[in-house]
Amino acid sequence: MITEIAHITVKAGMEAAFEQGVAEAAPLFQRAHGCRGLALQRGIEQPTHYRLVVQWETLEDHTVTFRGSDDFQAWRRLVGHCFESAPQVEHVATVLQPF
């Protein structure tokens, strides 16, 4: 399992529109090959800062299959206008989970 963490900064005043766009896009992720879960987190100290956390079976499920799909383009149409700057995306694998 791979976790995608997208660090997203939205334009001030666009927080509600962004959150609504992510809610509308949830089915796009739900039906994506290899997608196992999605969560949106919002910064407390910096409320225009978000983390989109997506669980994928494999890295390629995200970077090749989803990013190459029409659903990825639909996702960007739903939320792209809210971005202050391009999202910074990283992928991580759990190496320790003691509890």
N, C-alpha and C. Protein backbone atom coordinates (compact mmCIF):
# COMPACT_ATOMS: atom_id res chain seq x y z
N MET A 1 0.85 -1.18 0.00
CA MET A 1 0.00 0.00 0.00
C MET A 1 0.90 1.24 0.00
N ILE A 2 0.53 2.20 -0.83
CA ILE A 2 1.24 3.46 -0.97
C ILE A 2 0.30 4.58 -0.55
N THR A 3 0.84 5.56 0.15
CA THR A 3 0.05 6.73 0.52
C THR A 3 0.54 7.93 -0.26
N GLU A 4 -0.37 8.55 -0.96
CA GLU A 4 -0.10 9.81 -1.66
C GLU A 4 -0.47 10.93 -0.70
N ILE A 5 0.42 11.88 -0.53
CA ILE A 5 0.13 13.06 0.28
C ILE A 5 0.33 14.27 -0.63
N ALA A 6 -0.78 14.93 -0.95
CA ALA A 6 -0.72 16.13 -1.79
C ALA A 6 -0.86 17.34 -0.88
N HIS A 7 0.17 18.17 -0.85
CA HIS A 7 0.17 19.41 -0.07
C HIS A 7 -0.42 20.48 -0.99
N ILE A 8 -1.58 20.97 -0.62
CA ILE A 8 -2.32 21.89 -1.48
C ILE A 8 -2.59 23.20 -0.74
N THR A 9 -2.22 24.31 -1.35
CA THR A 9 -2.57 25.62 -0.83
C THR A 9 -3.61 26.21 -1.76
N VAL A 10 -4.74 26.63 -1.18
CA VAL A 10 -5.80 27.21 -1.99
C VAL A 10 -5.81 28.73 -1.82
N LYS A 11 -6.40 29.39 -2.77
CA LYS A 11 -6.54 30.84 -2.71
C LYS A 11 -7.42 31.22 -1.52
N ALA A 12 -7.04 32.26 -0.80
CA ALA A 12 -7.84 32.73 0.33
C ALA A 12 -9.26 33.01 -0.14
N GLY A 13 -10.22 32.54 0.62
CA GLY A 13 -11.62 32.71 0.27
C GLY A 13 -12.18 31.59 -0.58
N MET A 14 -11.32 30.68 -1.03
CA MET A 14 -11.76 29.57 -1.88
C MET A 14 -11.86 28.25 -1.11
N GLU A 15 -11.73 28.30 0.21
CA GLU A 15 -11.72 27.08 1.00
C GLU A 15 -13.00 26.27 0.83
N ALA A 16 -14.15 26.90 0.94
CA ALA A 16 -15.42 26.18 0.83
C ALA A 16 -15.59 25.58 -0.56
N ALA A 17 -15.23 26.34 -1.60
CA ALA A 17 -15.33 25.84 -2.97
C ALA A 17 -14.41 24.64 -3.18
N PHE A 18 -13.21 24.71 -2.62
CA PHE A 18 -12.27 23.60 -2.74
C PHE A 18 -12.82 22.36 -2.03
N GLU A 19 -13.28 22.53 -0.81
CA GLU A 19 -13.81 21.38 -0.07
C GLU A 19 -15.02 20.77 -0.79
N GLN A 20 -15.87 21.60 -1.37
CA GLN A 20 -17.02 21.10 -2.14
C GLN A 20 -16.54 20.35 -3.38
N GLY A 21 -15.52 20.89 -4.04
CA GLY A 21 -14.96 20.22 -5.21
C GLY A 21 -14.38 18.86 -4.88
N VAL A 22 -13.69 18.76 -3.76
CA VAL A 22 -13.13 17.46 -3.34
C VAL A 22 -14.27 16.49 -3.04
N ALA A 23 -15.33 16.97 -2.38
CA ALA A 23 -16.48 16.11 -2.08
C ALA A 23 -17.10 15.60 -3.38
N GLU A 24 -17.24 16.48 -4.36
CA GLU A 24 -17.80 16.07 -5.65
C GLU A 24 -16.89 15.11 -6.40
N ALA A 25 -15.59 15.23 -6.17
CA ALA A 25 -14.62 14.37 -6.86
C ALA A 25 -14.45 13.01 -6.18
N ALA A 26 -14.94 12.84 -4.98
CA ALA A 26 -14.74 11.59 -4.25
C ALA A 26 -15.11 10.36 -5.09
N PRO A 27 -16.23 10.35 -5.81
CA PRO A 27 -16.55 9.17 -6.63
C PRO A 27 -15.51 8.88 -7.71
N LEU A 28 -14.82 9.91 -8.20
CA LEU A 28 -13.77 9.69 -9.20
C LEU A 28 -12.65 8.86 -8.61
N PHE A 29 -12.30 9.16 -7.37
CA PHE A 29 -11.26 8.39 -6.69
C PHE A 29 -11.78 7.01 -6.30
N GLN A 30 -13.01 6.96 -5.83
CA GLN A 30 -13.59 5.70 -5.36
C GLN A 30 -13.59 4.65 -6.46
N ARG A 31 -13.83 5.06 -7.69
CA ARG A 31 -13.85 4.10 -8.79
C ARG A 31 -12.50 3.90 -9.45
N ALA A 32 -11.50 4.67 -9.05
CA ALA A 32 -10.17 4.55 -9.66
C ALA A 32 -9.53 3.21 -9.30
N HIS A 33 -8.91 2.62 -10.28
CA HIS A 33 -8.22 1.34 -10.06
C HIS A 33 -7.16 1.48 -8.98
N GLY A 34 -7.23 0.65 -7.97
CA GLY A 34 -6.22 0.63 -6.92
C GLY A 34 -6.41 1.62 -5.80
N CYS A 35 -7.41 2.49 -5.88
CA CYS A 35 -7.63 3.47 -4.82
C CYS A 35 -8.37 2.80 -3.67
N ARG A 36 -7.83 2.94 -2.45
CA ARG A 36 -8.39 2.28 -1.29
C ARG A 36 -8.91 3.25 -0.22
N GLY A 37 -8.75 4.55 -0.43
CA GLY A 37 -9.28 5.49 0.55
C GLY A 37 -8.78 6.90 0.28
N LEU A 38 -9.53 7.86 0.80
CA LEU A 38 -9.22 9.27 0.59
C LEU A 38 -9.62 10.05 1.83
N ALA A 39 -8.78 10.99 2.22
CA ALA A 39 -9.11 11.89 3.32
C ALA A 39 -8.58 13.27 2.96
N LEU A 40 -9.33 14.29 3.35
CA LEU A 40 -8.89 15.67 3.18
C LEU A 40 -8.70 16.27 4.55
N GLN A 41 -7.51 16.83 4.78
CA GLN A 41 -7.18 17.46 6.06
C GLN A 41 -6.91 18.94 5.82
N ARG A 42 -7.37 19.77 6.75
CA ARG A 42 -7.19 21.21 6.64
C ARG A 42 -6.34 21.73 7.78
N GLY A 43 -5.42 22.63 7.47
CA GLY A 43 -4.56 23.21 8.49
C GLY A 43 -5.35 24.05 9.49
N ILE A 44 -4.95 23.97 10.74
CA ILE A 44 -5.57 24.78 11.79
C ILE A 44 -4.95 26.18 11.79
N GLU A 45 -3.63 26.22 11.88
CA GLU A 45 -2.94 27.51 11.92
C GLU A 45 -2.98 28.22 10.57
N GLN A 46 -2.98 27.45 9.49
CA GLN A 46 -3.00 28.00 8.14
C GLN A 46 -4.17 27.37 7.38
N PRO A 47 -5.36 27.92 7.52
CA PRO A 47 -6.56 27.27 6.98
C PRO A 47 -6.65 27.21 5.45
N THR A 48 -5.72 27.82 4.74
CA THR A 48 -5.69 27.65 3.29
C THR A 48 -4.79 26.49 2.88
N HIS A 49 -4.19 25.83 3.86
CA HIS A 49 -3.30 24.70 3.59
C HIS A 49 -4.05 23.39 3.85
N TYR A 50 -4.00 22.52 2.86
CA TYR A 50 -4.69 21.23 2.93
C TYR A 50 -3.70 20.11 2.65
N ARG A 51 -4.08 18.93 3.12
CA ARG A 51 -3.39 17.69 2.77
C ARG A 51 -4.45 16.74 2.24
N LEU A 52 -4.29 16.33 1.00
CA LEU A 52 -5.14 15.29 0.43
C LEU A 52 -4.36 14.00 0.57
N VAL A 53 -4.91 13.06 1.32
CA VAL A 53 -4.23 11.81 1.61
C VAL A 53 -5.01 10.69 0.93
N VAL A 54 -4.35 10.00 0.01
CA VAL A 54 -5.01 8.95 -0.77
C VAL A 54 -4.22 7.66 -0.64
N GLN A 55 -4.92 6.59 -0.37
CA GLN A 55 -4.31 5.27 -0.27
C GLN A 55 -4.44 4.57 -1.63
N TRP A 56 -3.30 4.10 -2.14
CA TRP A 56 -3.27 3.38 -3.42
C TRP A 56 -2.64 2.01 -3.21
N GLU A 57 -3.09 1.05 -3.97
CA GLU A 57 -2.48 -0.29 -3.92
C GLU A 57 -1.02 -0.23 -4.38
N THR A 58 -0.77 0.47 -5.49
CA THR A 58 0.59 0.60 -6.02
C THR A 58 0.84 2.04 -6.43
N LEU A 59 2.09 2.40 -6.55
CA LEU A 59 2.47 3.73 -7.02
C LEU A 59 1.91 3.98 -8.42
N GLU A 60 1.99 2.97 -9.27
CA GLU A 60 1.54 3.10 -10.65
C GLU A 60 0.03 3.32 -10.75
N ASP A 61 -0.73 2.79 -9.77
CA ASP A 61 -2.17 3.04 -9.78
C ASP A 61 -2.44 4.54 -9.75
N HIS A 62 -1.59 5.28 -9.03
CA HIS A 62 -1.76 6.73 -8.99
C HIS A 62 -1.06 7.41 -10.16
N THR A 63 0.24 7.17 -10.29
CA THR A 63 1.05 7.97 -11.21
C THR A 63 0.81 7.65 -12.68
N VAL A 64 0.38 6.45 -12.99
CA VAL A 64 0.16 6.07 -14.39
C VAL A 64 -1.34 5.97 -14.69
N THR A 65 -2.01 5.07 -13.97
CA THR A 65 -3.41 4.78 -14.30
C THR A 65 -4.32 5.97 -14.01
N PHE A 66 -4.29 6.50 -12.78
CA PHE A 66 -5.20 7.59 -12.45
C PHE A 66 -4.81 8.88 -13.15
N ARG A 67 -3.55 9.24 -13.09
CA ARG A 67 -3.14 10.50 -13.72
C ARG A 67 -3.35 10.50 -15.23
N GLY A 68 -3.38 9.34 -15.83
CA GLY A 68 -3.61 9.24 -17.27
C GLY A 68 -5.08 9.10 -17.65
N SER A 69 -5.95 9.20 -16.67
CA SER A 69 -7.37 8.95 -16.92
C SER A 69 -8.18 10.23 -17.14
N ASP A 70 -9.35 10.06 -17.72
CA ASP A 70 -10.29 11.17 -17.85
C ASP A 70 -10.75 11.64 -16.49
N ASP A 71 -10.83 10.72 -15.51
CA ASP A 71 -11.24 11.10 -14.17
C ASP A 71 -10.25 12.06 -13.52
N PHE A 72 -8.97 11.92 -13.82
CA PHE A 72 -7.98 12.87 -13.29
C PHE A 72 -8.25 14.26 -13.87
N GLN A 73 -8.55 14.33 -15.15
CA GLN A 73 -8.87 15.62 -15.76
C GLN A 73 -10.12 16.22 -15.14
N ALA A 74 -11.11 15.38 -14.84
CA ALA A 74 -12.33 15.87 -14.19
C ALA A 74 -12.02 16.38 -12.79
N TRP A 75 -11.15 15.69 -12.07
CA TRP A 75 -10.72 16.13 -10.73
C TRP A 75 -10.10 17.52 -10.81
N ARG A 76 -9.23 17.72 -11.75
CA ARG A 76 -8.56 19.02 -11.88
C ARG A 76 -9.55 20.12 -12.27
N ARG A 77 -10.55 19.78 -13.09
CA ARG A 77 -11.56 20.78 -13.44
C ARG A 77 -12.38 21.18 -12.22
N LEU A 78 -12.62 20.25 -11.32
CA LEU A 78 -13.42 20.53 -10.13
C LEU A 78 -12.68 21.41 -9.12
N VAL A 79 -11.36 21.25 -9.01
CA VAL A 79 -10.63 21.92 -7.93
C VAL A 79 -9.48 22.81 -8.39
N GLY A 80 -9.03 22.66 -9.60
CA GLY A 80 -7.83 23.37 -10.06
C GLY A 80 -7.91 24.88 -9.95
N HIS A 81 -9.09 25.44 -10.15
CA HIS A 81 -9.24 26.90 -10.08
C HIS A 81 -9.06 27.42 -8.66
N CYS A 82 -9.08 26.54 -7.67
CA CYS A 82 -8.90 26.93 -6.27
C CYS A 82 -7.43 26.98 -5.85
N PHE A 83 -6.55 26.37 -6.62
CA PHE A 83 -5.14 26.25 -6.23
C PHE A 83 -4.44 27.61 -6.25
N GLU A 84 -3.74 27.92 -5.19
CA GLU A 84 -2.85 29.09 -5.14
C GLU A 84 -1.59 28.81 -5.96
N SER A 85 -1.13 27.57 -5.88
CA SER A 85 0.06 27.11 -6.60
C SER A 85 -0.12 25.62 -6.87
N ALA A 86 0.78 25.08 -7.66
CA ALA A 86 0.69 23.66 -7.98
C ALA A 86 0.86 22.82 -6.71
N PRO A 87 0.04 21.77 -6.55
CA PRO A 87 0.19 20.90 -5.39
C PRO A 87 1.57 20.23 -5.39
N GLN A 88 2.08 20.02 -4.20
CA GLN A 88 3.32 19.27 -4.01
C GLN A 88 2.94 17.87 -3.56
N VAL A 89 3.28 16.89 -4.35
CA VAL A 89 2.84 15.52 -4.09
C VAL A 89 4.03 14.65 -3.73
N GLU A 90 3.83 13.86 -2.67
CA GLU A 90 4.83 12.86 -2.29
C GLU A 90 4.11 11.55 -2.06
N HIS A 91 4.87 10.47 -2.17
CA HIS A 91 4.34 9.13 -1.92
C HIS A 91 5.17 8.51 -0.81
N VAL A 92 4.49 7.87 0.12
CA VAL A 92 5.18 7.25 1.24
C VAL A 92 4.65 5.84 1.44
N ALA A 93 5.50 5.01 2.04
CA ALA A 93 5.13 3.65 2.42
C ALA A 93 5.36 3.52 3.92
N THR A 94 4.44 2.89 4.60
CA THR A 94 4.58 2.69 6.03
C THR A 94 5.68 1.67 6.30
N VAL A 95 6.61 2.04 7.18
CA VAL A 95 7.69 1.13 7.54
C VAL A 95 7.57 0.69 9.00
N LEU A 96 6.78 1.39 9.80
CA LEU A 96 6.58 1.02 11.18
C LEU A 96 5.24 1.55 11.65
N GLN A 97 4.45 0.68 12.27
CA GLN A 97 3.17 1.09 12.84
C GLN A 97 2.98 0.27 14.13
N PRO A 98 3.61 0.72 15.22
CA PRO A 98 3.64 -0.09 16.43
C PRO A 98 2.28 -0.26 17.11
N PHE A 99 1.34 0.64 16.88
CA PHE A 99 0.00 0.46 17.45
C PHE A 99 -1.03 1.19 16.64
